Amino acid sequence: MTLDVSTNYGQIEVSNDVIATIAGVAAMDCYGLVGMASRKQLKDGIAELLGRENWSKGIEVRSENEEMEIDMHIIVGYGTKISEVAHNVQSKVKYTLGQMVGITVNRVNIYVQGVRLVSEE
């Protein structure tokens, strides 16, 4: 599925994978977020932390009836307030997609898949 945007210069098609990648990069700017988790759930009770090239695998983009909804599976850092991290991710993703792609995201659903210790380096 793609997002179609018409301009005076022509047609622009943005795939859901591109939207997911932009959302993942925007989310990783948020304090307290360790990384994205796989949508395929847990292996032996441990959420798999996705690498930079696979962030979009932890994000699902759906659009129905002119409404866009994004599900993000995340891993947060130990000692951070989970609700605050989730709210920051929601705000950042909505803002970034609005600025970069010009779309309005109706909902950003956050699924916290795990908590990890963040090593100070």
PDB file of N, CA and C in Angstrom:
ATOM      1  N   MET A   1       0.838  -1.167   0.000  1.00  0.00           N
ATOM      2  CA  MET A   1       0.000   0.000   0.000  1.00  0.00           C
ATOM      3  C   MET A   1       0.892   1.242   0.000  1.00  0.00           C
ATOM      4  N   THR A   2       0.474   2.266  -0.692  1.00  0.00           N
ATOM      5  CA  THR A   2       1.266   3.480  -0.757  1.00  0.00           C
ATOM      6  C   THR A   2       0.408   4.696  -0.466  1.00  0.00           C
ATOM      7  N   LEU A   3       1.086   5.774  -0.114  1.00  0.00           N
ATOM      8  CA  LEU A   3       0.431   7.065   0.076  1.00  0.00           C
ATOM      9  C   LEU A   3       0.618   7.843  -1.214  1.00  0.00           C
ATOM     10  N   ASP A   4      -0.466   8.312  -1.801  1.00  0.00           N
ATOM     11  CA  ASP A   4      -0.404   9.068  -3.038  1.00  0.00           C
ATOM     12  C   ASP A   4      -0.625  10.539  -2.746  1.00  0.00           C
ATOM     13  N   VAL A   5       0.277  11.386  -3.251  1.00  0.00           N
ATOM     14  CA  VAL A   5       0.180  12.829  -3.077  1.00  0.00           C
ATOM     15  C   VAL A   5       0.255  13.451  -4.464  1.00  0.00           C
ATOM     16  N   SER A   6      -0.699  14.317  -4.775  1.00  0.00           N
ATOM     17  CA  SER A   6      -0.688  15.013  -6.052  1.00  0.00           C
ATOM     18  C   SER A   6      -0.209  16.446  -5.849  1.00  0.00           C
ATOM     19  N   THR A   7       0.699  16.895  -6.714  1.00  0.00           N
ATOM     20  CA  THR A   7       1.185  18.267  -6.681  1.00  0.00           C
ATOM     21  C   THR A   7       1.015  18.872  -8.071  1.00  0.00           C
ATOM     22  N   ASN A   8       1.350  20.140  -8.202  1.00  0.00           N
ATOM     23  CA  ASN A   8       1.292  20.797  -9.507  1.00  0.00           C
ATOM     24  C   ASN A   8       2.292  20.178 -10.478  1.00  0.00           C
ATOM     25  N   TYR A   9       3.334  19.543  -9.941  1.00  0.00           N
ATOM     26  CA  TYR A   9       4.393  18.982 -10.765  1.00  0.00           C
ATOM     27  C   TYR A   9       4.169  17.527 -11.139  1.00  0.00           C
ATOM     28  N   GLY A  10       3.236  16.880 -10.472  1.00  0.00           N
ATOM     29  CA  GLY A  10       2.982  15.480 -10.774  1.00  0.00           C
ATOM     30  C   GLY A  10       2.547  14.690  -9.560  1.00  0.00           C
ATOM     31  N   GLN A  11       2.654  13.378  -9.678  1.00  0.00           N
ATOM     32  CA  GLN A  11       2.206  12.442  -8.650  1.00  0.00           C
ATOM     33  C   GLN A  11       3.396  11.957  -7.828  1.00  0.00           C
ATOM     34  N   ILE A  12       3.202  11.842  -6.513  1.00  0.00           N
ATOM     35  CA  ILE A  12       4.233  11.307  -5.621  1.00  0.00           C
ATOM     36  C   ILE A  12       3.635  10.106  -4.894  1.00  0.00           C
ATOM     37  N   GLU A  13       4.341   8.992  -4.929  1.00  0.00           N
ATOM     38  CA  GLU A  13       3.921   7.799  -4.199  1.00  0.00           C
ATOM     39  C   GLU A  13       4.946   7.491  -3.127  1.00  0.00           C
ATOM     40  N   VAL A  14       4.483   7.381  -1.890  1.00  0.00           N
ATOM     41  CA  VAL A  14       5.352   7.072  -0.758  1.00  0.00           C
ATOM     42  C   VAL A  14       4.896   5.740  -0.186  1.00  0.00           C
ATOM     43  N   SER A  15       5.791   4.753  -0.180  1.00  0.00           N
ATOM     44  CA  SER A  15       5.413   3.419   0.304  1.00  0.00           C
ATOM     45  C   SER A  15       5.337   3.394   1.833  1.00  0.00           C
ATOM     46  N   ASN A  16       4.614   2.415   2.331  1.00  0.00           N
ATOM     47  CA  ASN A  16       4.500   2.254   3.786  1.00  0.00           C
ATOM     48  C   ASN A  16       5.845   1.947   4.423  1.00  0.00           C
ATOM     49  N   ASP A  17       6.750   1.284   3.694  1.00  0.00           N
ATOM     50  CA  ASP A  17       8.085   1.008   4.228  1.00  0.00           C
ATOM     51  C   ASP A  17       8.862   2.300   4.456  1.00  0.00           C
ATOM     52  N   VAL A  18       8.705   3.260   3.562  1.00  0.00           N
ATOM     53  CA  VAL A  18       9.370   4.557   3.731  1.00  0.00           C
ATOM     54  C   VAL A  18       8.796   5.286   4.940  1.00  0.00           C
ATOM     55  N   ILE A  19       7.484   5.259   5.081  1.00  0.00           N
ATOM     56  CA  ILE A  19       6.842   5.898   6.237  1.00  0.00           C
ATOM     57  C   ILE A  19       7.305   5.234   7.523  1.00  0.00           C
ATOM     58  N   ALA A  20       7.407   3.912   7.526  1.00  0.00           N
ATOM     59  CA  ALA A  20       7.872   3.182   8.708  1.00  0.00           C
ATOM     60  C   ALA A  20       9.319   3.530   9.039  1.00  0.00           C
ATOM     61  N   THR A  21      10.162   3.652   8.025  1.00  0.00           N
ATOM     62  CA  THR A  21      11.569   3.998   8.258  1.00  0.00           C
ATOM     63  C   THR A  21      11.695   5.400   8.834  1.00  0.00           C
ATOM     64  N   ILE A  22      10.947   6.353   8.291  1.00  0.00           N
ATOM     65  CA  ILE A  22      10.973   7.720   8.819  1.00  0.00           C
ATOM     66  C   ILE A  22      10.492   7.734  10.263  1.00  0.00           C
ATOM     67  N   ALA A  23       9.440   6.988  10.553  1.00  0.00           N
ATOM     68  CA  ALA A  23       8.918   6.911  11.922  1.00  0.00           C
ATOM     69  C   ALA A  23       9.960   6.302  12.863  1.00  0.00           C
ATOM     70  N   GLY A  24      10.671   5.272  12.405  1.00  0.00           N
ATOM     71  CA  GLY A  24      11.692   4.635  13.231  1.00  0.00           C
ATOM     72  C   GLY A  24      12.859   5.556  13.534  1.00  0.00           C
ATOM     73  N   VAL A  25      13.315   6.289  12.525  1.00  0.00           N
ATOM     74  CA  VAL A  25      14.426   7.226  12.728  1.00  0.00           C
ATOM     75  C   VAL A  25      13.997   8.344  13.673  1.00  0.00           C
ATOM     76  N   ALA A  26      12.779   8.842  13.504  1.00  0.00           N
ATOM     77  CA  ALA A  26      12.271   9.900  14.389  1.00  0.00           C
ATOM     78  C   ALA A  26      12.169   9.401  15.827  1.00  0.00           C
ATOM     79  N   ALA A  27      11.679   8.192  16.000  1.00  0.00           N
ATOM     80  CA  ALA A  27      11.514   7.633  17.338  1.00  0.00           C
ATOM     81  C   ALA A  27      12.851   7.463  18.049  1.00  0.00           C
ATOM     82  N   MET A  28      13.880   7.065  17.299  1.00  0.00           N
ATOM     83  CA  MET A  28      15.181   6.814  17.921  1.00  0.00           C
ATOM     84  C   MET A  28      15.838   8.085  18.463  1.00  0.00           C
ATOM     85  N   ASP A  29      15.315   9.255  18.085  1.00  0.00           N
ATOM     86  CA  ASP A  29      15.802  10.514  18.648  1.00  0.00           C
ATOM     87  C   ASP A  29      15.294  10.756  20.061  1.00  0.00           C
ATOM     88  N   CYS A  30      14.318   9.985  20.491  1.00  0.00           N
ATOM     89  CA  CYS A  30      13.682  10.215  21.790  1.00  0.00           C
ATOM     90  C   CYS A  30      14.508   9.609  22.929  1.00  0.00           C
ATOM     91  N   TYR A  31      14.639  10.380  23.991  1.00  0.00           N
ATOM     92  CA  TYR A  31      15.356   9.920  25.174  1.00  0.00           C
ATOM     93  C   TYR A  31      14.606   8.754  25.809  1.00  0.00           C
ATOM     94  N   GLY A  32      15.332   7.735  26.217  1.00  0.00           N
ATOM     95  CA  GLY A  32      14.748   6.592  26.904  1.00  0.00           C
ATOM     96  C   GLY A  32      14.402   5.429  26.002  1.00  0.00           C
ATOM     97  N   LEU A  33      14.480   5.637  24.694  1.00  0.00           N
ATOM     98  CA  LEU A  33      14.190   4.557  23.763  1.00  0.00           C
ATOM     99  C   LEU A  33      15.491   3.839  23.422  1.00  0.00           C
ATOM    100  N   VAL A  34      15.526   2.539  23.679  1.00  0.00           N
ATOM    101  CA  VAL A  34      16.721   1.744  23.389  1.00  0.00           C
ATOM    102  C   VAL A  34      16.714   1.285  21.942  1.00  0.00           C
ATOM    103  N   GLY A  35      15.546   0.899  21.437  1.00  0.00           N
ATOM    104  CA  GLY A  35      15.461   0.432  20.070  1.00  0.00           C
ATOM    105  C   GLY A  35      14.083  -0.067  19.730  1.00  0.00           C
ATOM    106  N   MET A  36      13.984  -0.608  18.528  1.00  0.00           N
ATOM    107  CA  MET A  36      12.733  -1.169  18.048  1.00  0.00           C
ATOM    108  C   MET A  36      12.770  -2.684  18.253  1.00  0.00           C
ATOM    109  N   ALA A  37      11.595  -3.247  18.535  1.00  0.00           N
ATOM    110  CA  ALA A  37      11.472  -4.695  18.715  1.00  0.00           C
ATOM    111  C   ALA A  37      10.727  -5.277  17.521  1.00  0.00           C
ATOM    112  N   SER A  38      10.970  -6.524  17.243  1.00  0.00           N
ATOM    113  CA  SER A  38      10.310  -7.197  16.135  1.00  0.00           C
ATOM    114  C   SER A  38       8.816  -7.342  16.401  1.00  0.00           C
ATOM    115  N   ARG A  39       8.015  -7.163  15.353  1.00  0.00           N
ATOM    116  CA  ARG A  39       6.570  -7.382  15.463  1.00  0.00           C
ATOM    117  C   ARG A  39       6.255  -8.855  15.625  1.00  0.00           C
ATOM    118  N   LYS A  40       7.212  -9.716  15.280  1.00  0.00           N
ATOM    119  CA  LYS A  40       6.987 -11.156  15.313  1.00  0.00           C
ATOM    120  C   LYS A  40       7.017 -11.708  16.731  1.00  0.00           C
ATOM    121  N   GLN A  41       7.022 -10.803  17.687  1.00  0.00           N
ATOM    122  CA  GLN A  41       6.938 -11.093  19.112  1.00  0.00           C
ATOM    123  C   GLN A  41       8.246 -11.603  19.691  1.00  0.00           C
ATOM    124  N   LEU A  42       8.113 -12.351  20.737  1.00  0.00           N
ATOM    125  CA  LEU A  42       9.252 -12.678  21.578  1.00  0.00           C
ATOM    126  C   LEU A  42       9.864 -14.039  21.248  1.00  0.00           C
ATOM    127  N   LYS A  43      11.155 -14.127  21.442  1.00  0.00           N
ATOM    128  CA  LYS A  43      11.846 -15.412  21.349  1.00  0.00           C
ATOM    129  C   LYS A  43      12.262 -15.789  22.758  1.00  0.00           C
ATOM    130  N   ASP A  44      11.752 -16.877  23.252  1.00  0.00           N
ATOM    131  CA  ASP A  44      12.067 -17.355  24.600  1.00  0.00           C
ATOM    132  C   ASP A  44      11.845 -16.275  25.656  1.00  0.00           C
ATOM    133  N   GLY A  45      10.815 -15.454  25.479  1.00  0.00           N
ATOM    134  CA  GLY A  45      10.491 -14.430  26.461  1.00  0.00           C
ATOM    135  C   GLY A  45      11.368 -13.196  26.395  1.00  0.00           C
ATOM    136  N   ILE A  46      12.240 -13.094  25.397  1.00  0.00           N
ATOM    137  CA  ILE A  46      13.123 -11.939  25.273  1.00  0.00           C
ATOM    138  C   ILE A  46      12.828 -11.245  23.947  1.00  0.00           C
ATOM    139  N   ALA A  47      12.547  -9.945  24.017  1.00  0.00           N
ATOM    140  CA  ALA A  47      12.271  -9.183  22.800  1.00  0.00           C
ATOM    141  C   ALA A  47      13.561  -9.005  22.010  1.00  0.00           C
ATOM    142  N   GLU A  48      13.481  -9.236  20.718  1.00  0.00           N
ATOM    143  CA  GLU A  48      14.645  -9.090  19.847  1.00  0.00           C
ATOM    144  C   GLU A  48      14.832  -7.609  19.505  1.00  0.00           C
ATOM    145  N   LEU A  49      16.002  -7.081  19.813  1.00  0.00           N
ATOM    146  CA  LEU A  49      16.332  -5.692  19.502  1.00  0.00           C
ATOM    147  C   LEU A  49      16.783  -5.621  18.053  1.00  0.00           C
ATOM    148  N   LEU A  50      16.073  -4.832  17.256  1.00  0.00           N
ATOM    149  CA  LEU A  50      16.377  -4.743  15.831  1.00  0.00           C
ATOM    150  C   LEU A  50      17.502  -3.761  15.563  1.00  0.00           C
ATOM    151  N   GLY A  51      18.330  -4.076  14.594  1.00  0.00           N
ATOM    152  CA  GLY A  51      19.393  -3.178  14.175  1.00  0.00           C
ATOM    153  C   GLY A  51      18.850  -2.040  13.328  1.00  0.00           C
ATOM    154  N   ARG A  52      19.688  -1.041  13.102  1.00  0.00           N
ATOM    155  CA  ARG A  52      19.299   0.160  12.374  1.00  0.00           C
ATOM    156  C   ARG A  52      18.672  -0.148  11.009  1.00  0.00           C
ATOM    157  N   GLU A  53      19.200  -1.128  10.307  1.00  0.00           N
ATOM    158  CA  GLU A  53      18.691  -1.435   8.969  1.00  0.00           C
ATOM    159  C   GLU A  53      17.338  -2.144   9.003  1.00  0.00           C
ATOM    160  N   ASN A  54      16.905  -2.603  10.170  1.00  0.00           N
ATOM    161  CA  ASN A  54      15.648  -3.348  10.292  1.00  0.00           C
ATOM    162  C   ASN A  54      14.594  -2.654  11.142  1.00  0.00           C
ATOM    163  N   TRP A  55      14.769  -1.373  11.432  1.00  0.00           N
ATOM    164  CA  TRP A  55      13.808  -0.684  12.294  1.00  0.00           C
ATOM    165  C   TRP A  55      12.378  -0.804  11.795  1.00  0.00           C
ATOM    166  N   SER A  56      12.196  -0.764  10.498  1.00  0.00           N
ATOM    167  CA  SER A  56      10.831  -0.799   9.962  1.00  0.00           C
ATOM    168  C   SER A  56      10.125  -2.127  10.239  1.00  0.00           C
ATOM    169  N   LYS A  57      10.869  -3.174  10.604  1.00  0.00           N
ATOM    170  CA  LYS A  57      10.243  -4.454  10.940  1.00  0.00           C
ATOM    171  C   LYS A  57       9.500  -4.390  12.271  1.00  0.00           C
ATOM    172  N   GLY A  58       9.771  -3.371  13.059  1.00  0.00           N
ATOM    173  CA  GLY A  58       9.069  -3.188  14.327  1.00  0.00           C
ATOM    174  C   GLY A  58       7.930  -2.192  14.230  1.00  0.00           C
ATOM    175  N   ILE A  59       7.613  -1.794  13.002  1.00  0.00           N
ATOM    176  CA  ILE A  59       6.594  -0.761  12.789  1.00  0.00           C
ATOM    177  C   ILE A  59       5.608  -1.236  11.730  1.00  0.00           C
ATOM    178  N   GLU A  60       4.332  -1.061  12.012  1.00  0.00           N
ATOM    179  CA  GLU A  60       3.289  -1.397  11.044  1.00  0.00           C
ATOM    180  C   GLU A  60       2.519  -0.129  10.709  1.00  0.00           C
ATOM    181  N   VAL A  61       2.371   0.142   9.422  1.00  0.00           N
ATOM    182  CA  VAL A  61       1.649   1.329   8.950  1.00  0.00           C
ATOM    183  C   VAL A  61       0.368   0.863   8.278  1.00  0.00           C
ATOM    184  N   ARG A  62      -0.765   1.421   8.739  1.00  0.00           N
ATOM    185  CA  ARG A  62      -2.063   1.085   8.147  1.00  0.00           C
ATOM    186  C   ARG A  62      -2.771   2.378   7.763  1.00  0.00           C
ATOM    187  N   SER A  63      -3.430   2.351   6.627  1.00  0.00           N
ATOM    188  CA  SER A  63      -4.255   3.502   6.250  1.00  0.00           C
ATOM    189  C   SER A  63      -5.590   2.995   5.729  1.00  0.00           C
ATOM    190  N   GLU A  64      -6.651   3.464   6.367  1.00  0.00           N
ATOM    191  CA  GLU A  64      -8.005   3.083   5.989  1.00  0.00           C
ATOM    192  C   GLU A  64      -8.880   4.325   6.041  1.00  0.00           C
ATOM    193  N   ASN A  65      -9.703   4.505   5.023  1.00  0.00           N
ATOM    194  CA  ASN A  65     -10.648   5.629   4.987  1.00  0.00           C
ATOM    195  C   ASN A  65      -9.965   6.971   5.251  1.00  0.00           C
ATOM    196  N   GLU A  66      -8.863   7.218   4.577  1.00  0.00           N
ATOM    197  CA  GLU A  66      -8.129   8.489   4.691  1.00  0.00           C
ATOM    198  C   GLU A  66      -7.524   8.731   6.075  1.00  0.00           C
ATOM    199  N   GLU A  67      -7.444   7.697   6.909  1.00  0.00           N
ATOM    200  CA  GLU A  67      -6.834   7.817   8.234  1.00  0.00           C
ATOM    201  C   GLU A  67      -5.609   6.926   8.302  1.00  0.00           C
ATOM    202  N   MET A  68      -4.521   7.470   8.863  1.00  0.00           N
ATOM    203  CA  MET A  68      -3.280   6.709   8.979  1.00  0.00           C
ATOM    204  C   MET A  68      -3.046   6.346  10.443  1.00  0.00           C
ATOM    205  N   GLU A  69      -2.687   5.086  10.655  1.00  0.00           N
ATOM    206  CA  GLU A  69      -2.424   4.580  11.996  1.00  0.00           C
ATOM    207  C   GLU A  69      -1.096   3.837  11.964  1.00  0.00           C
ATOM    208  N   ILE A  70      -0.274   4.051  12.988  1.00  0.00           N
ATOM    209  CA  ILE A  70       1.044   3.423  13.056  1.00  0.00           C
ATOM    210  C   ILE A  70       1.160   2.665  14.374  1.00  0.00           C
ATOM    211  N   ASP A  71       1.585   1.401  14.296  1.00  0.00           N
ATOM    212  CA  ASP A  71       1.880   0.593  15.478  1.00  0.00           C
ATOM    213  C   ASP A  71       3.387   0.475  15.593  1.00  0.00           C
ATOM    214  N   MET A  72       3.927   0.816  16.760  1.00  0.00           N
ATOM    215  CA  MET A  72       5.372   0.757  16.981  1.00  0.00           C
ATOM    216  C   MET A  72       5.664  -0.156  18.163  1.00  0.00           C
ATOM    217  N   HIS A  73       6.551  -1.117  17.948  1.00  0.00           N
ATOM    218  CA  HIS A  73       6.966  -2.050  18.987  1.00  0.00           C
ATOM    219  C   HIS A  73       8.353  -1.612  19.446  1.00  0.00           C
ATOM    220  N   ILE A  74       8.444  -1.171  20.716  1.00  0.00           N
ATOM    221  CA  ILE A  74       9.680  -0.550  21.184  1.00  0.00           C
ATOM    222  C   ILE A  74      10.250  -1.245  22.413  1.00  0.00           C
ATOM    223  N   ILE A  75      11.509  -0.938  22.675  1.00  0.00           N
ATOM    224  CA  ILE A  75      12.190  -1.365  23.891  1.00  0.00           C
ATOM    225  C   ILE A  75      12.703  -0.107  24.562  1.00  0.00           C
ATOM    226  N   VAL A  76      12.362   0.062  25.840  1.00  0.00           N
ATOM    227  CA  VAL A  76      12.752   1.267  26.565  1.00  0.00           C
ATOM    228  C   VAL A  76      13.908   0.981  27.517  1.00  0.00           C
ATOM    229  N   GLY A  77      14.575   2.040  27.925  1.00  0.00           N
ATOM    230  CA  GLY A  77      15.686   1.925  28.845  1.00  0.00           C
ATOM    231  C   GLY A  77      15.214   1.796  30.283  1.00  0.00           C
ATOM    232  N   TYR A  78      15.926   0.984  31.046  1.00  0.00           N
ATOM    233  CA  TYR A  78      15.603   0.792  32.461  1.00  0.00           C
ATOM    234  C   TYR A  78      15.767   2.116  33.196  1.00  0.00           C
ATOM    235  N   GLY A  79      14.804   2.430  34.073  1.00  0.00           N
ATOM    236  CA  GLY A  79      14.886   3.640  34.874  1.00  0.00           C
ATOM    237  C   GLY A  79      14.177   4.836  34.263  1.00  0.00           C
ATOM    238  N   THR A  80      13.659   4.670  33.055  1.00  0.00           N
ATOM    239  CA  THR A  80      12.907   5.765  32.443  1.00  0.00           C
ATOM    240  C   THR A  80      11.423   5.551  32.692  1.00  0.00           C
ATOM    241  N   LYS A  81      10.677   6.643  32.685  1.00  0.00           N
ATOM    242  CA  LYS A  81       9.237   6.553  32.870  1.00  0.00           C
ATOM    243  C   LYS A  81       8.620   6.127  31.540  1.00  0.00           C
ATOM    244  N   ILE A  82       8.090   4.925  31.500  1.00  0.00           N
ATOM    245  CA  ILE A  82       7.618   4.325  30.253  1.00  0.00           C
ATOM    246  C   ILE A  82       6.543   5.178  29.589  1.00  0.00           C
ATOM    247  N   SER A  83       5.601   5.687  30.361  1.00  0.00           N
ATOM    248  CA  SER A  83       4.529   6.484  29.765  1.00  0.00           C
ATOM    249  C   SER A  83       5.070   7.761  29.129  1.00  0.00           C
ATOM    250  N   GLU A  84       6.098   8.348  29.721  1.00  0.00           N
ATOM    251  CA  GLU A  84       6.695   9.570  29.168  1.00  0.00           C
ATOM    252  C   GLU A  84       7.465   9.276  27.879  1.00  0.00           C
ATOM    253  N   VAL A  85       8.200   8.167  27.865  1.00  0.00           N
ATOM    254  CA  VAL A  85       8.921   7.768  26.652  1.00  0.00           C
ATOM    255  C   VAL A  85       7.916   7.512  25.525  1.00  0.00           C
ATOM    256  N   ALA A  86       6.840   6.786  25.821  1.00  0.00           N
ATOM    257  CA  ALA A  86       5.824   6.479  24.815  1.00  0.00           C
ATOM    258  C   ALA A  86       5.184   7.757  24.276  1.00  0.00           C
ATOM    259  N   HIS A  87       4.856   8.693  25.154  1.00  0.00           N
ATOM    260  CA  HIS A  87       4.251   9.954  24.721  1.00  0.00           C
ATOM    261  C   HIS A  87       5.212  10.748  23.840  1.00  0.00           C
ATOM    262  N   ASN A  88       6.489  10.781  24.227  1.00  0.00           N
ATOM    263  CA  ASN A  88       7.482  11.494  23.421  1.00  0.00           C
ATOM    264  C   ASN A  88       7.624  10.873  22.032  1.00  0.00           C
ATOM    265  N   VAL A  89       7.613   9.547  21.959  1.00  0.00           N
ATOM    266  CA  VAL A  89       7.710   8.856  20.667  1.00  0.00           C
ATOM    267  C   VAL A  89       6.490   9.200  19.809  1.00  0.00           C
ATOM    268  N   GLN A  90       5.302   9.154  20.405  1.00  0.00           N
ATOM    269  CA  GLN A  90       4.086   9.475  19.654  1.00  0.00           C
ATOM    270  C   GLN A  90       4.152  10.889  19.081  1.00  0.00           C
ATOM    271  N   SER A  91       4.536  11.846  19.909  1.00  0.00           N
ATOM    272  CA  SER A  91       4.599  13.245  19.470  1.00  0.00           C
ATOM    273  C   SER A  91       5.638  13.442  18.384  1.00  0.00           C
ATOM    274  N   LYS A  92       6.823  12.869  18.580  1.00  0.00           N
ATOM    275  CA  LYS A  92       7.918  13.037  17.623  1.00  0.00           C
ATOM    276  C   LYS A  92       7.572  12.418  16.267  1.00  0.00           C
ATOM    277  N   VAL A  93       6.976  11.240  16.274  1.00  0.00           N
ATOM    278  CA  VAL A  93       6.626  10.554  15.030  1.00  0.00           C
ATOM    279  C   VAL A  93       5.556  11.344  14.273  1.00  0.00           C
ATOM    280  N   LYS A  94       4.521  11.790  14.974  1.00  0.00           N
ATOM    281  CA  LYS A  94       3.468  12.579  14.325  1.00  0.00           C
ATOM    282  C   LYS A  94       4.040  13.853  13.712  1.00  0.00           C
ATOM    283  N   TYR A  95       4.861  14.561  14.473  1.00  0.00           N
ATOM    284  CA  TYR A  95       5.443  15.814  14.001  1.00  0.00           C
ATOM    285  C   TYR A  95       6.361  15.585  12.796  1.00  0.00           C
ATOM    286  N   THR A  96       7.251  14.608  12.897  1.00  0.00           N
ATOM    287  CA  THR A  96       8.221  14.354  11.837  1.00  0.00           C
ATOM    288  C   THR A  96       7.542  13.937  10.533  1.00  0.00           C
ATOM    289  N   LEU A  97       6.560  13.046  10.604  1.00  0.00           N
ATOM    290  CA  LEU A  97       5.862  12.633   9.386  1.00  0.00           C
ATOM    291  C   LEU A  97       5.068  13.794   8.784  1.00  0.00           C
ATOM    292  N   GLY A  98       4.524  14.650   9.629  1.00  0.00           N
ATOM    293  CA  GLY A  98       3.830  15.828   9.136  1.00  0.00           C
ATOM    294  C   GLY A  98       4.764  16.770   8.408  1.00  0.00           C
ATOM    295  N   GLN A  99       5.972  16.956   8.935  1.00  0.00           N
ATOM    296  CA  GLN A  99       6.947  17.858   8.326  1.00  0.00           C
ATOM    297  C   GLN A  99       7.593  17.273   7.075  1.00  0.00           C
ATOM    298  N   MET A 100       7.986  16.011   7.132  1.00  0.00           N
ATOM    299  CA  MET A 100       8.739  15.411   6.020  1.00  0.00           C
ATOM    300  C   MET A 100       7.864  14.953   4.859  1.00  0.00           C
ATOM    301  N   VAL A 101       6.709  14.385   5.180  1.00  0.00           N
ATOM    302  CA  VAL A 101       5.881  13.783   4.137  1.00  0.00           C
ATOM    303  C   VAL A 101       4.603  14.585   3.910  1.00  0.00           C
ATOM    304  N   GLY A 102       4.236  15.395   4.889  1.00  0.00           N
ATOM    305  CA  GLY A 102       3.017  16.188   4.768  1.00  0.00           C
ATOM    306  C   GLY A 102       1.753  15.406   5.036  1.00  0.00           C
ATOM    307  N   ILE A 103       1.854  14.372   5.864  1.00  0.00           N
ATOM    308  CA  ILE A 103       0.673  13.567   6.182  1.00  0.00           C
ATOM    309  C   ILE A 103       0.277  13.768   7.641  1.00  0.00           C
ATOM    310  N   THR A 104      -0.982  13.554   7.905  1.00  0.00           N
ATOM    311  CA  THR A 104      -1.491  13.614   9.272  1.00  0.00           C
ATOM    312  C   THR A 104      -1.676  12.192   9.762  1.00  0.00           C
ATOM    313  N   VAL A 105      -1.020  11.874  10.852  1.00  0.00           N
ATOM    314  CA  VAL A 105      -1.148  10.550  11.454  1.00  0.00           C
ATOM    315  C   VAL A 105      -2.199  10.650  12.554  1.00  0.00           C
ATOM    316  N   ASN A 106      -3.238   9.849  12.447  1.00  0.00           N
ATOM    317  CA  ASN A 106      -4.320   9.908  13.414  1.00  0.00           C
ATOM    318  C   ASN A 106      -3.962   9.248  14.737  1.00  0.00           C
ATOM    319  N   ARG A 107      -3.242   8.126  14.655  1.00  0.00           N
ATOM    320  CA  ARG A 107      -2.885   7.406  15.882  1.00  0.00           C
ATOM    321  C   ARG A 107      -1.498   6.803  15.749  1.00  0.00           C
ATOM    322  N   VAL A 108      -0.739   6.894  16.839  1.00  0.00           N
ATOM    323  CA  VAL A 108       0.537   6.179  16.948  1.00  0.00           C
ATOM    324  C   VAL A 108       0.393   5.289  18.179  1.00  0.00           C
ATOM    325  N   ASN A 109       0.221   3.992  17.954  1.00  0.00           N
ATOM    326  CA  ASN A 109       0.051   3.035  19.045  1.00  0.00           C
ATOM    327  C   ASN A 109       1.418   2.484  19.428  1.00  0.00           C
ATOM    328  N   ILE A 110       1.722   2.530  20.718  1.00  0.00           N
ATOM    329  CA  ILE A 110       3.012   2.085  21.227  1.00  0.00           C
ATOM    330  C   ILE A 110       2.827   0.768  21.979  1.00  0.00           C
ATOM    331  N   TYR A 111       3.651  -0.218  21.625  1.00  0.00           N
ATOM    332  CA  TYR A 111       3.666  -1.503  22.314  1.00  0.00           C
ATOM    333  C   TYR A 111       5.065  -1.685  22.890  1.00  0.00           C
ATOM    334  N   VAL A 112       5.164  -1.614  24.211  1.00  0.00           N
ATOM    335  CA  VAL A 112       6.465  -1.768  24.869  1.00  0.00           C
ATOM    336  C   VAL A 112       6.731  -3.257  25.008  1.00  0.00           C
ATOM    337  N   GLN A 113       7.773  -3.740  24.307  1.00  0.00           N
ATOM    338  CA  GLN A 113       8.080  -5.156  24.259  1.00  0.00           C
ATOM    339  C   GLN A 113       9.148  -5.565  25.267  1.00  0.00           C
ATOM    340  N   GLY A 114       9.827  -4.582  25.834  1.00  0.00           N
ATOM    341  CA  GLY A 114      10.866  -4.931  26.782  1.00  0.00           C
ATOM    342  C   GLY A 114      11.535  -3.715  27.399  1.00  0.00           C
ATOM    343  N   VAL A 115      12.324  -3.989  28.431  1.00  0.00           N
ATOM    344  CA  VAL A 115      13.117  -2.964  29.123  1.00  0.00           C
ATOM    345  C   VAL A 115      14.555  -3.475  29.143  1.00  0.00           C
ATOM    346  N   ARG A 116      15.495  -2.602  28.786  1.00  0.00           N
ATOM    347  CA  ARG A 116      16.904  -2.989  28.758  1.00  0.00           C
ATOM    348  C   ARG A 116      17.723  -2.009  29.570  1.00  0.00           C
ATOM    349  N   LEU A 117      18.779  -2.531  30.151  1.00  0.00           N
ATOM    350  CA  LEU A 117      19.751  -1.652  30.799  1.00  0.00           C
ATOM    351  C   LEU A 117      20.516  -0.905  29.711  1.00  0.00           C
ATOM    352  N   VAL A 118      20.685   0.382  29.928  1.00  0.00           N
ATOM    353  CA  VAL A 118      21.416   1.197  28.964  1.00  0.00           C
ATOM    354  C   VAL A 118      22.805   1.409  29.514  1.00  0.00           C
ATOM    355  N   SER A 119      23.826   0.934  28.787  1.00  0.00           N
ATOM    356  CA  SER A 119      25.196   1.094  29.251  1.00  0.00           C
ATOM    357  C   SER A 119      25.705   2.496  28.929  1.00  0.00           C
ATOM    358  N   GLU A 120      26.337   3.130  29.893  1.00  0.00           N
ATOM    359  CA  GLU A 120      26.914   4.458  29.716  1.00  0.00           C
ATOM    360  C   GLU A 120      28.294   4.297  29.143  1.00  0.00           C
ATOM    361  N   GLU A 121      28.528   4.795  27.948  1.00  0.00           N
ATOM    362  CA  GLU A 121      29.842   4.662  27.327  1.00  0.00           C
ATOM    363  C   GLU A 121      30.463   6.001  27.101  1.00  0.00           C
TER     364      GLU A 121
END
